[in-house]
Amino acid sequence: MTGSLQVKNDKFYIVLNLIENGKRKQKWIATGLNVKGNKRRAEKLLRDTLTQYEVTQPVPKCDTLLADCIRDWLKIARRKVDEVTYQGYEQSANGQVIPYFEERKTKLCDVTVKLLQAYFDEKADHGRRDGGGGVSPASLRRYKNILNQTLNEAVKAELIPSNPCALVELPKMERFESTFYSAAQLKALFDAAKDDPLYPLIRITALYGLRRSEALGLKWDSVDFDAGRLTIRHTVTKVTKKVEKDKTKNSSSHRSFPLTPEALEIFEAAKAAEIENRRLCGKSYFESDYIFKWPDGRPFDPDYVTKHFARLLKNNGLPHIRFHELRHSCASLLLNGGATLKDVQEYMGHADIQMTANIYGHLDTARKQELTDKIAGSIF
């Protein structure tokens, strides 16, 4: 069952798309609500009406399980999306979505707005009770995307008349607030990691605010020693399998930085170590263009970096942060040093400034203090 709101003579009308005697038709229902100031009430009335009609509308006789439909959709998705996106879909579908509906033996023809809403509400409740438990707003959006696209395919195949997931409202959950290190904490981290194999990677990641995929994707063609520039042009990502790409997350992520004296020293040392390790290892050396790697030439694995970084912090009594939050620490230092959100957007490689504001707006304390002092100086 699908429907929409339409306006006629400054009044809201509900328009339902029905199936009667095997034929599609529209049904107009007057709400009696004026357009001005009543949009939310009209939208709720639309949802309630659709739920009511779902109970009375005939549904096709179909013994297909929803879980099997999701598996079929995964095969379609594999042909349409890139490998990293597919791995995310596959992990969420097999880990969270399919088991839920398979355990309940939910049939495709029994899927309603009410049933799907109950699923998302339950997932959100579990997340709130156990402090997140891996269920984030982003996870809920991904689960909905899987179900929505699965049911769209079922509509195309004429297995069901309409997609009930289109009318589901995701529950509101508290945004995950990233943690980050202060300048003093970063210095303590660098001191603790001085002899660690990840030390150069940690320093470069924090200095330039790189994503893990960008830091691990740095190749020697990313470093221009003559021009003194570092350019982000490759990525190494892993959800379930490692994926190497000769492109960045988006066009904004393809960015360049000046090589600081510290960065230049790190890269020169890495190049010298590579030459010496190649000589020592001989034929057993693993040839690759990646900068951050083991002495035998094998690049660091993304999972190793994440897990080893956590152990490094724990073993040295440092506050827990994720490796990705070295990036947030960089942004925090920039903002508190007087950089604007626009500056940080470009430095971080965000596609638009709204993304930067959503993630880091609450950290813009120095800029807000400056503006507050200006207005206070004007008034008092």
Protein backbone atom coordinates (compact mmCIF):
# COMPACT_ATOMS: atom_id res chain seq x y z
CA MET A 1 0.00 0.00 0.00
CA THR A 2 1.34 3.40 -0.99
CA GLY A 3 -0.14 6.84 -0.85
CA SER A 4 0.63 10.52 -0.84
CA LEU A 5 -0.68 13.91 0.23
CA GLN A 6 -2.15 16.15 -2.46
CA VAL A 7 -3.43 19.72 -2.21
CA LYS A 8 -6.75 20.80 -3.67
CA ASN A 9 -8.49 24.09 -2.91
CA ASP A 10 -5.97 24.77 -0.09
CA LYS A 11 -6.94 21.52 1.63
CA PHE A 12 -4.92 18.33 2.18
CA TYR A 13 -6.21 15.16 0.54
CA ILE A 14 -4.92 11.62 0.99
CA VAL A 15 -4.45 9.76 -2.29
CA LEU A 16 -4.18 5.97 -1.93
CA ASN A 17 -2.89 3.61 -4.59
CA LEU A 18 -5.13 0.56 -4.33
CA ILE A 19 -5.45 -2.76 -6.11
CA GLU A 20 -9.00 -3.93 -6.78
CA ASN A 21 -9.81 -6.95 -8.93
CA GLY A 22 -6.19 -7.11 -10.00
CA LYS A 23 -6.18 -3.51 -11.26
CA ARG A 24 -4.49 -0.46 -9.81
CA LYS A 25 -6.63 2.57 -8.96
CA GLN A 26 -6.45 5.74 -6.88
CA LYS A 27 -8.71 6.70 -4.01
CA TRP A 28 -8.96 10.34 -2.81
CA ILE A 29 -9.86 10.94 0.84
CA ALA A 30 -10.57 14.41 2.24
CA THR A 31 -8.73 15.23 5.46
CA GLY A 32 -10.58 18.48 6.20
CA LEU A 33 -7.22 20.05 7.07
CA ASN A 34 -6.14 23.40 5.72
CA VAL A 35 -2.69 23.39 4.12
CA LYS A 36 -1.28 26.15 6.30
CA GLY A 37 0.05 24.86 9.61
CA ASN A 38 -1.22 21.29 9.26
CA LYS A 39 1.44 19.41 7.32
CA ARG A 40 2.54 17.22 10.24
CA ARG A 41 -1.05 16.36 11.19
CA ALA A 42 -1.76 15.48 7.56
CA GLU A 43 1.34 13.27 7.34
CA LYS A 44 0.31 11.40 10.51
CA LEU A 45 -3.20 10.97 9.12
CA LEU A 46 -1.68 9.56 5.92
CA ARG A 47 0.37 7.02 7.87
CA ASP A 48 -2.60 6.00 10.01
CA THR A 49 -4.83 5.62 6.95
CA LEU A 50 -2.27 3.50 5.12
CA THR A 51 -1.86 1.26 8.16
CA GLN A 52 -5.64 0.85 8.38
CA TYR A 53 -6.00 0.02 4.69
CA GLU A 54 -3.17 -2.51 4.84
CA VAL A 55 -5.33 -4.63 7.15
CA THR A 56 -8.25 -4.72 4.69
CA GLN A 57 -6.39 -4.84 1.38
CA PRO A 58 -6.02 -8.28 -0.20
CA VAL A 59 -2.46 -9.54 -0.38
CA PRO A 60 -1.05 -12.07 -2.82
CA LYS A 61 -0.67 -15.65 -1.67
CA CYS A 62 3.06 -15.91 -1.29
CA ASP A 63 5.06 -18.38 0.78
CA THR A 64 8.38 -16.69 0.01
CA LEU A 65 10.28 -15.79 3.17
CA LEU A 66 11.49 -12.22 3.59
CA ALA A 67 14.93 -13.56 4.57
CA ASP A 68 15.24 -15.31 1.20
CA CYS A 69 14.20 -12.12 -0.60
CA ILE A 70 17.00 -10.25 1.17
CA ARG A 71 19.50 -12.90 0.04
CA ASP A 72 18.25 -12.52 -3.54
CA TRP A 73 18.60 -8.74 -3.29
CA LEU A 74 22.20 -9.09 -2.10
CA LYS A 75 23.01 -10.84 -5.39
CA ILE A 76 21.54 -7.87 -7.27
CA ALA A 77 23.37 -5.36 -5.07
CA ARG A 78 26.70 -7.07 -5.73
CA ARG A 79 26.37 -6.17 -9.42
CA LYS A 80 25.38 -2.55 -8.76
CA VAL A 81 27.57 -1.17 -5.95
CA ASP A 82 31.29 -1.07 -5.27
CA GLU A 83 32.98 -3.75 -3.18
CA VAL A 84 33.24 -1.75 0.04
CA THR A 85 29.55 -0.76 -0.05
CA TYR A 86 28.56 -4.34 -0.80
CA GLN A 87 30.61 -5.65 2.13
CA GLY A 88 28.74 -3.27 4.43
CA TYR A 89 25.37 -4.46 3.09
CA GLU A 90 26.39 -8.11 3.34
CA GLN A 91 27.68 -7.78 6.90
CA SER A 92 24.54 -5.97 8.12
CA ALA A 93 22.13 -8.24 6.24
CA ASN A 94 23.71 -11.51 7.41
CA GLY A 95 24.50 -10.27 10.90
CA GLN A 96 21.36 -8.34 11.87
CA VAL A 97 18.52 -8.24 9.36
CA ILE A 98 18.22 -11.77 7.95
CA PRO A 99 18.53 -13.62 11.32
CA TYR A 100 15.74 -11.51 12.86
CA PHE A 101 13.17 -12.27 10.17
CA GLU A 102 14.37 -15.83 9.53
CA GLU A 103 13.93 -16.74 13.20
CA ARG A 104 10.33 -15.47 13.01
CA LYS A 105 9.74 -17.15 9.62
CA THR A 106 8.32 -13.85 8.33
CA LYS A 107 6.71 -14.27 4.92
CA LEU A 108 6.97 -11.59 2.29
CA CYS A 109 3.20 -11.22 2.06
CA ASP A 110 2.98 -10.63 5.83
CA VAL A 111 5.34 -7.65 5.87
CA THR A 112 3.52 -4.45 6.91
CA VAL A 113 4.47 -0.98 8.06
CA LYS A 114 3.57 -2.01 11.60
CA LEU A 115 5.79 -5.10 11.50
CA LEU A 116 8.79 -3.20 10.12
CA GLN A 117 8.28 -0.32 12.56
CA ALA A 118 8.35 -2.82 15.42
CA TYR A 119 11.65 -4.21 14.11
CA PHE A 120 13.34 -0.79 14.03
CA ASP A 121 11.89 0.23 17.40
CA GLU A 122 13.22 -2.97 18.97
CA LYS A 123 16.69 -2.45 17.48
CA ALA A 124 16.75 1.13 18.76
CA ASP A 125 15.58 0.09 22.25
CA HIS A 126 18.34 -2.52 22.51
CA GLY A 127 20.86 0.11 21.47
CA ARG A 128 19.67 2.54 24.16
CA ARG A 129 19.62 -0.08 26.93
CA ASP A 130 23.16 -1.37 26.35
CA GLY A 131 24.70 2.01 25.66
CA GLY A 132 24.79 1.62 21.89
CA GLY A 133 25.65 -2.05 21.50
CA GLY A 134 26.76 -1.44 17.92
CA VAL A 135 23.31 -0.12 16.95
CA SER A 136 23.85 3.45 15.82
CA PRO A 137 21.65 5.79 13.77
CA ALA A 138 23.87 4.94 10.80
CA SER A 139 23.28 1.21 11.38
CA LEU A 140 19.51 1.71 11.49
CA ARG A 141 19.65 3.67 8.23
CA ARG A 142 21.63 0.85 6.62
CA TYR A 143 19.12 -1.79 7.82
CA LYS A 144 16.27 0.28 6.42
CA ASN A 145 18.08 0.68 3.12
CA ILE A 146 18.49 -3.09 2.85
CA LEU A 147 14.81 -3.75 3.57
CA ASN A 148 13.60 -0.88 1.40
CA GLN A 149 15.58 -2.02 -1.64
CA THR A 150 14.62 -5.65 -1.07
CA LEU A 151 10.93 -4.76 -1.02
CA ASN A 152 11.30 -2.49 -4.06
CA GLU A 153 12.59 -5.52 -5.96
CA ALA A 154 9.61 -7.54 -4.73
CA VAL A 155 7.26 -4.84 -6.07
CA LYS A 156 9.04 -4.91 -9.44
CA ALA A 157 8.61 -8.69 -9.53
CA GLU A 158 4.88 -8.20 -8.72
CA LEU A 159 5.20 -10.33 -5.61
CA ILE A 160 3.68 -7.56 -3.47
CA PRO A 161 1.57 -4.55 -4.54
CA SER A 162 3.61 -1.89 -2.69
CA ASN A 163 6.59 -1.29 -0.44
CA PRO A 164 5.61 -0.86 3.24
CA CYS A 165 9.16 0.17 4.22
CA ALA A 166 8.71 3.50 2.45
CA LEU A 167 6.44 4.64 5.29
CA VAL A 168 8.56 3.50 8.21
CA GLU A 169 9.98 6.22 10.47
CA LEU A 170 13.34 5.48 12.04
CA PRO A 171 13.38 5.98 15.83
CA LYS A 172 15.35 8.93 17.13
CA MET A 173 18.60 7.98 18.80
CA GLU A 174 21.30 10.05 20.42
CA ARG A 175 24.13 10.92 18.07
CA PHE A 176 27.42 9.23 18.84
CA GLU A 177 29.78 11.89 20.17
CA SER A 178 33.34 11.23 19.10
CA THR A 179 36.12 11.60 21.63
CA PHE A 180 39.47 13.16 20.85
CA TYR A 181 42.83 13.95 22.35
CA SER A 182 44.12 17.34 23.45
CA ALA A 183 47.57 18.52 22.37
CA ALA A 184 49.03 17.28 25.68
CA GLN A 185 47.42 13.85 25.26
CA LEU A 186 48.71 13.55 21.70
CA LYS A 187 52.22 14.33 22.95
CA ALA A 188 51.86 11.61 25.59
CA LEU A 189 50.72 9.20 22.88
CA PHE A 190 53.69 10.05 20.65
CA ASP A 191 56.09 9.56 23.58
CA ALA A 192 54.54 6.18 24.42
CA ALA A 193 54.58 5.02 20.78
CA LYS A 194 58.16 6.12 20.02
CA ASP A 195 59.41 2.56 19.46
CA ASP A 196 56.13 1.14 18.11
CA PRO A 197 55.89 -0.03 14.48
CA LEU A 198 52.82 2.20 14.05
CA TYR A 199 54.58 5.35 15.28
CA PRO A 200 55.16 6.97 11.84
CA LEU A 201 51.60 6.11 10.76
CA ILE A 202 50.14 7.60 13.96
CA ARG A 203 52.13 10.83 13.58
CA ILE A 204 51.14 11.40 9.94
CA THR A 205 47.48 10.50 10.61
CA ALA A 206 47.22 12.99 13.47
CA LEU A 207 49.16 15.73 11.68
CA TYR A 208 47.01 15.71 8.54
CA GLY A 209 43.73 14.44 10.03
CA LEU A 210 43.60 11.47 7.68
CA ARG A 211 41.05 8.70 7.57
CA ARG A 212 42.49 5.26 8.28
CA SER A 213 41.88 4.31 4.65
CA GLU A 214 43.79 7.39 3.45
CA ALA A 215 46.77 6.88 5.77
CA LEU A 216 47.13 3.22 4.81
CA GLY A 217 46.61 4.14 1.16
CA LEU A 218 49.63 6.47 1.04
CA LYS A 219 52.02 5.37 -1.72
CA TRP A 220 55.30 6.88 -2.78
CA ASP A 221 53.59 8.73 -5.63
CA SER A 222 51.65 10.57 -2.89
CA VAL A 223 54.86 12.26 -1.68
CA ASP A 224 56.54 14.91 -3.81
CA PHE A 225 59.86 15.50 -2.08
CA ASP A 226 60.93 18.21 -4.56
CA ALA A 227 57.71 20.26 -4.30
CA GLY A 228 57.26 19.50 -0.59
CA ARG A 229 53.68 18.22 -1.03
CA LEU A 230 51.66 15.26 0.21
CA THR A 231 48.67 14.34 -1.98
CA ILE A 232 45.86 11.98 -0.94
CA ARG A 233 45.07 9.85 -3.98
CA HIS A 234 44.74 6.19 -2.85
CA THR A 235 42.77 4.33 -0.16
CA VAL A 236 42.86 0.94 1.55
CA THR A 237 39.54 -0.06 3.11
CA LYS A 238 38.27 -3.17 4.84
CA VAL A 239 34.84 -4.25 6.05
CA THR A 240 35.20 -8.02 5.61
CA LYS A 241 37.92 -8.08 2.92
CA LYS A 242 40.66 -5.59 2.13
CA VAL A 243 39.92 -3.34 -0.87
CA GLU A 244 42.59 -1.18 -2.48
CA LYS A 245 41.48 1.78 -4.59
CA ASP A 246 43.38 4.26 -6.69
CA LYS A 247 40.80 6.89 -5.82
CA THR A 248 39.56 8.71 -2.74
CA LYS A 249 36.18 8.59 -0.98
CA ASN A 250 34.98 11.60 -3.01
CA SER A 251 36.47 14.43 -5.06
CA SER A 252 36.85 16.61 -1.96
CA SER A 253 38.96 13.90 -0.31
CA HIS A 254 41.54 14.21 -3.09
CA ARG A 255 43.56 16.97 -1.45
CA SER A 256 47.14 18.10 -0.90
CA PHE A 257 49.11 19.27 2.13
CA PRO A 258 52.50 20.94 2.52
CA LEU A 259 55.18 18.65 3.91
CA THR A 260 56.17 19.92 7.34
CA PRO A 261 59.80 19.34 8.43
CA GLU A 262 58.52 16.59 10.73
CA ALA A 263 56.55 14.87 7.94
CA LEU A 264 59.50 15.16 5.56
CA GLU A 265 61.74 13.49 8.15
CA ILE A 266 59.21 10.64 8.65
CA PHE A 267 58.91 9.95 4.92
CA GLU A 268 62.64 10.15 4.30
CA ALA A 269 63.23 7.69 7.15
CA ALA A 270 60.55 5.36 5.73
CA LYS A 271 62.19 5.45 2.29
CA ALA A 272 65.64 4.72 3.74
CA ALA A 273 64.20 1.84 5.82
CA GLU A 274 62.49 0.40 2.72
CA ILE A 275 65.77 0.37 0.78
CA GLU A 276 67.64 -1.30 3.64
CA ASN A 277 64.89 -3.84 4.34
CA ARG A 278 64.72 -4.78 0.67
CA ARG A 279 68.47 -5.44 0.75
CA LEU A 280 68.24 -7.51 3.94
CA CYS A 281 65.20 -9.57 2.88
CA GLY A 282 66.39 -10.21 -0.66
CA LYS A 283 63.98 -12.33 -2.71
CA SER A 284 61.61 -12.75 0.24
CA TYR A 285 60.84 -9.03 0.25
CA PHE A 286 57.23 -8.20 -0.68
CA GLU A 287 57.27 -5.43 -3.28
CA SER A 288 54.62 -2.72 -2.94
CA ASP A 289 54.39 1.05 -3.34
CA TYR A 290 52.74 1.55 0.05
CA ILE A 291 54.68 3.65 2.55
CA PHE A 292 53.52 2.19 5.87
CA LYS A 293 54.43 -1.49 6.08
CA TRP A 294 56.33 -4.24 7.86
CA PRO A 295 60.10 -4.69 7.40
CA ASP A 296 59.43 -7.51 4.88
CA GLY A 297 57.41 -5.10 2.72
CA ARG A 298 53.91 -6.32 3.56
CA PRO A 299 51.52 -3.36 4.04
CA PHE A 300 49.81 -2.99 7.40
CA ASP A 301 46.36 -4.60 7.52
CA PRO A 302 43.51 -2.22 8.50
CA ASP A 303 42.27 -4.54 11.25
CA TYR A 304 45.75 -4.84 12.72
CA VAL A 305 46.05 -1.06 12.91
CA THR A 306 42.72 -0.72 14.73
CA LYS A 307 43.38 -3.50 17.25
CA HIS A 308 47.05 -2.72 17.86
CA PHE A 309 46.27 0.97 18.42
CA ALA A 310 43.72 0.04 21.10
CA ARG A 311 46.28 -2.22 22.83
CA LEU A 312 48.92 0.50 22.63
CA LEU A 313 46.67 2.94 24.48
CA LYS A 314 45.64 0.37 27.10
CA ASN A 315 49.19 -0.83 27.77
CA ASN A 316 50.34 2.74 28.34
CA GLY A 317 47.41 3.83 30.50
CA LEU A 318 46.15 6.32 27.92
CA PRO A 319 42.43 7.21 27.50
CA HIS A 320 40.67 5.05 24.93
CA ILE A 321 39.97 6.59 21.54
CA ARG A 322 39.47 4.90 18.18
CA PHE A 323 42.21 5.20 15.57
CA HIS A 324 39.79 7.29 13.50
CA GLU A 325 39.61 9.77 16.37
CA LEU A 326 43.15 10.88 15.68
CA ARG A 327 41.40 12.63 12.79
CA HIS A 328 38.92 14.23 15.20
CA SER A 329 41.79 15.28 17.44
CA CYS A 330 43.37 17.08 14.49
CA ALA A 331 40.10 18.89 13.74
CA SER A 332 39.70 19.87 17.39
CA LEU A 333 43.17 21.40 17.51
CA LEU A 334 42.52 23.31 14.28
CA LEU A 335 39.23 24.74 15.55
CA ASN A 336 40.57 25.67 18.96
CA GLY A 337 43.54 27.26 17.25
CA GLY A 338 41.24 29.68 15.45
CA ALA A 339 40.55 27.85 12.16
CA THR A 340 37.04 28.30 10.74
CA LEU A 341 34.69 25.46 9.87
CA LYS A 342 35.40 26.20 6.19
CA ASP A 343 39.12 25.76 6.86
CA VAL A 344 38.47 22.45 8.60
CA GLN A 345 36.12 21.27 5.84
CA GLU A 346 38.87 21.66 3.26
CA TYR A 347 41.57 20.19 5.53
CA MET A 348 39.46 17.14 6.39
CA GLY A 349 38.26 16.65 2.81
CA HIS A 350 34.53 16.81 3.53
CA ALA A 351 32.17 17.08 0.56
CA ASP A 352 30.23 19.97 2.12
CA ILE A 353 30.48 22.25 5.12
CA GLN A 354 27.24 20.92 6.65
CA MET A 355 28.99 17.59 7.25
CA THR A 356 31.82 19.44 8.98
CA ALA A 357 29.36 21.39 11.13
CA ASN A 358 27.47 18.21 12.09
CA ILE A 359 30.65 16.47 13.23
CA TYR A 360 32.76 19.29 14.62
CA GLY A 361 30.42 22.25 15.17
CA HIS A 362 30.32 21.64 18.92
CA LEU A 363 34.13 21.89 19.03
CA ASP A 364 34.30 25.37 17.51
CA THR A 365 34.87 26.93 20.94
CA ALA A 366 37.70 29.30 20.04
CA ARG A 367 35.78 30.85 17.14
CA LYS A 368 32.62 31.20 19.26
CA GLN A 369 34.62 32.82 22.06
CA GLU A 370 36.08 35.30 19.56
CA LEU A 371 32.62 36.19 18.24
CA THR A 372 31.18 36.44 21.75
CA ASP A 373 34.00 38.82 22.79
CA LYS A 374 33.30 40.98 19.75
CA ILE A 375 29.58 41.34 20.44
CA ALA A 376 30.27 41.93 24.15
CA GLY A 377 32.75 44.65 23.24
CA SER A 378 30.14 46.32 21.04
CA ILE A 379 27.42 46.29 23.67
CA PHE A 380 29.28 47.00 26.92
